[in-house]
């Protein structure tokens, strides 16, 4: 039984558009500004019925400005309660928490073993806002 609602305390930002991945390689998302939030989770999900093959791993990149250079986050600044940060099946999700100090983050989707591929979506969830409720998602 839910006694509280979460929607006014979380902002969801699309990390990258739902993308048909048809070859091995990287798909780098757009920068997401984390200013005003104390927690960040990055997630990917595979679409039901459109997963053929491959493995898709969540990689997190961080930077000081949206247009500046981004570097891959060290594993010590990532937390995964899902036990994995990759997908290799239909209709699944993988996520990773970010506890770094940079203002901007990006999802990188690293695809391996792809011949026909899958459709993958990427999201960044910003939580514990400095000012709540969060009204724009």
Protein backbone atom coordinates (compact mmCIF):
# COMPACT_ATOMS: atom_id res chain seq x y z
CA UNK A 1 0.00 0.00 0.00
CA UNK A 2 1.43 3.35 -1.03
CA UNK A 3 1.20 6.06 1.59
CA UNK A 4 3.35 8.62 -0.25
CA UNK A 5 3.83 9.71 -3.84
CA UNK A 6 7.23 10.07 -5.48
CA UNK A 7 6.50 12.00 -8.69
CA UNK A 8 6.94 15.47 -7.16
CA UNK A 9 10.40 14.54 -5.82
CA UNK A 10 11.92 13.08 -9.00
CA UNK A 11 12.72 14.58 -12.40
CA UNK A 12 12.99 12.25 -15.40
CA UNK A 13 15.17 13.38 -18.32
CA UNK A 14 15.54 11.42 -21.53
CA UNK A 15 19.19 10.32 -21.72
CA UNK A 16 18.82 9.43 -25.38
CA UNK A 17 15.87 8.88 -27.69
CA UNK A 18 14.61 5.36 -28.18
CA UNK A 19 17.19 4.12 -30.61
CA UNK A 20 17.34 1.13 -32.95
CA UNK A 21 20.83 -0.24 -32.43
CA UNK A 22 21.83 -2.29 -35.47
CA UNK A 23 25.60 -2.59 -35.07
CA UNK A 24 28.27 -2.92 -32.42
CA UNK A 25 29.49 0.43 -31.08
CA UNK A 26 28.68 3.34 -28.79
CA UNK A 27 25.56 5.51 -28.58
CA UNK A 28 26.31 8.61 -26.53
CA UNK A 29 23.39 10.47 -25.04
CA UNK A 30 22.83 14.16 -24.44
CA UNK A 31 24.28 15.96 -21.39
CA UNK A 32 21.94 16.17 -18.40
CA UNK A 33 22.34 18.95 -15.84
CA UNK A 34 22.18 17.56 -12.29
CA UNK A 35 22.29 20.95 -10.56
CA UNK A 36 19.65 21.24 -7.85
CA UNK A 37 19.50 17.48 -7.18
CA UNK A 38 21.38 15.30 -4.71
CA UNK A 39 20.94 11.91 -6.40
CA UNK A 40 21.25 10.59 -9.96
CA UNK A 41 20.30 7.24 -11.50
CA UNK A 42 20.89 6.39 -15.16
CA UNK A 43 18.86 3.62 -16.80
CA UNK A 44 18.37 1.80 -20.09
CA UNK A 45 15.57 -0.51 -21.14
CA UNK A 46 14.95 -2.83 -24.06
CA UNK A 47 11.65 -2.73 -25.88
CA UNK A 48 9.41 -5.77 -25.76
CA UNK A 49 9.35 -7.68 -29.03
CA UNK A 50 12.14 -5.79 -30.79
CA UNK A 51 15.24 -7.37 -29.23
CA UNK A 52 17.18 -9.66 -31.57
CA UNK A 53 20.74 -9.92 -30.29
CA UNK A 54 23.68 -8.19 -28.64
CA UNK A 55 24.64 -6.98 -25.19
CA UNK A 56 24.08 -3.34 -24.21
CA UNK A 57 26.01 -1.86 -21.30
CA UNK A 58 25.31 1.37 -19.40
CA UNK A 59 28.41 3.54 -19.19
CA UNK A 60 28.30 6.88 -17.40
CA UNK A 61 30.25 9.93 -18.53
CA UNK A 62 30.67 13.14 -16.51
CA UNK A 63 31.70 16.72 -17.26
CA UNK A 64 31.84 20.21 -15.81
CA UNK A 65 29.88 21.93 -18.61
CA UNK A 66 27.30 20.72 -21.12
CA UNK A 67 29.52 21.57 -24.08
CA UNK A 68 32.85 20.63 -22.53
CA UNK A 69 34.73 17.37 -22.51
CA UNK A 70 33.27 14.30 -20.83
CA UNK A 71 35.18 11.39 -19.29
CA UNK A 72 33.99 7.96 -18.25
CA UNK A 73 33.09 7.77 -14.57
CA UNK A 74 35.33 5.65 -12.37
CA UNK A 75 33.57 2.54 -11.02
CA UNK A 76 34.03 3.82 -7.44
CA UNK A 77 31.50 6.58 -8.24
CA UNK A 78 28.85 4.13 -9.48
CA UNK A 79 26.36 2.00 -7.55
CA UNK A 80 24.36 -0.86 -9.08
CA UNK A 81 21.67 -2.54 -7.02
CA UNK A 82 20.44 -4.47 -10.06
CA UNK A 83 23.60 -6.57 -9.98
CA UNK A 84 24.30 -5.69 -13.59
CA UNK A 85 24.50 -2.63 -15.75
CA UNK A 86 23.86 -4.38 -19.05
CA UNK A 87 21.00 -5.85 -21.08
CA UNK A 88 21.07 -9.01 -23.14
CA UNK A 89 17.38 -9.87 -23.38
CA UNK A 90 13.99 -8.53 -24.44
CA UNK A 91 11.88 -6.31 -22.17
CA UNK A 92 14.54 -5.76 -19.48
CA UNK A 93 16.06 -2.78 -17.67
CA UNK A 94 19.44 -1.99 -16.18
CA UNK A 95 20.39 0.98 -14.05
CA UNK A 96 23.30 2.49 -12.20
CA UNK A 97 23.54 5.21 -9.54
CA UNK A 98 26.02 8.06 -9.87
CA UNK A 99 27.67 9.57 -6.78
CA UNK A 100 30.30 11.74 -8.46
CA UNK A 101 30.91 15.47 -8.15
CA UNK A 102 30.43 16.73 -11.73
CA UNK A 103 27.41 18.81 -12.73
CA UNK A 104 26.69 17.09 -16.05
CA UNK A 105 26.26 13.39 -16.86
CA UNK A 106 25.64 11.42 -20.06
CA UNK A 107 24.62 7.85 -20.73
CA UNK A 108 26.78 5.91 -23.14
CA UNK A 109 25.25 2.73 -24.50
CA UNK A 110 28.08 0.35 -25.40
CA UNK A 111 26.73 -2.34 -27.72
CA UNK A 112 28.63 -5.57 -28.44
CA UNK A 113 27.79 -8.71 -30.42
CA UNK A 114 25.15 -6.96 -32.52
CA UNK A 115 24.07 -8.24 -35.93
CA UNK A 116 20.40 -7.25 -36.11
CA UNK A 117 20.08 -5.48 -32.76
CA UNK A 118 17.41 -4.05 -30.51
CA UNK A 119 15.53 -0.87 -29.62
CA UNK A 120 16.88 0.69 -26.43
CA UNK A 121 15.73 3.73 -24.41
CA UNK A 122 17.85 5.69 -21.96
CA UNK A 123 16.75 7.83 -18.97
CA UNK A 124 18.37 9.91 -16.26
CA UNK A 125 16.42 10.19 -13.01
CA UNK A 126 17.25 13.12 -10.74
CA UNK A 127 16.14 12.82 -7.11
CA UNK A 128 16.35 14.45 -3.71
CA UNK A 129 15.79 17.94 -5.13
CA UNK A 130 16.97 21.04 -3.29
CA UNK A 131 13.51 22.52 -3.96
CA UNK A 132 10.43 20.35 -4.09
CA UNK A 133 7.99 19.73 -5.56
CA UNK A 134 9.59 19.14 -8.94
CA UNK A 135 7.03 20.36 -11.44
CA UNK A 136 8.70 19.90 -14.85
CA UNK A 137 9.47 16.38 -16.03
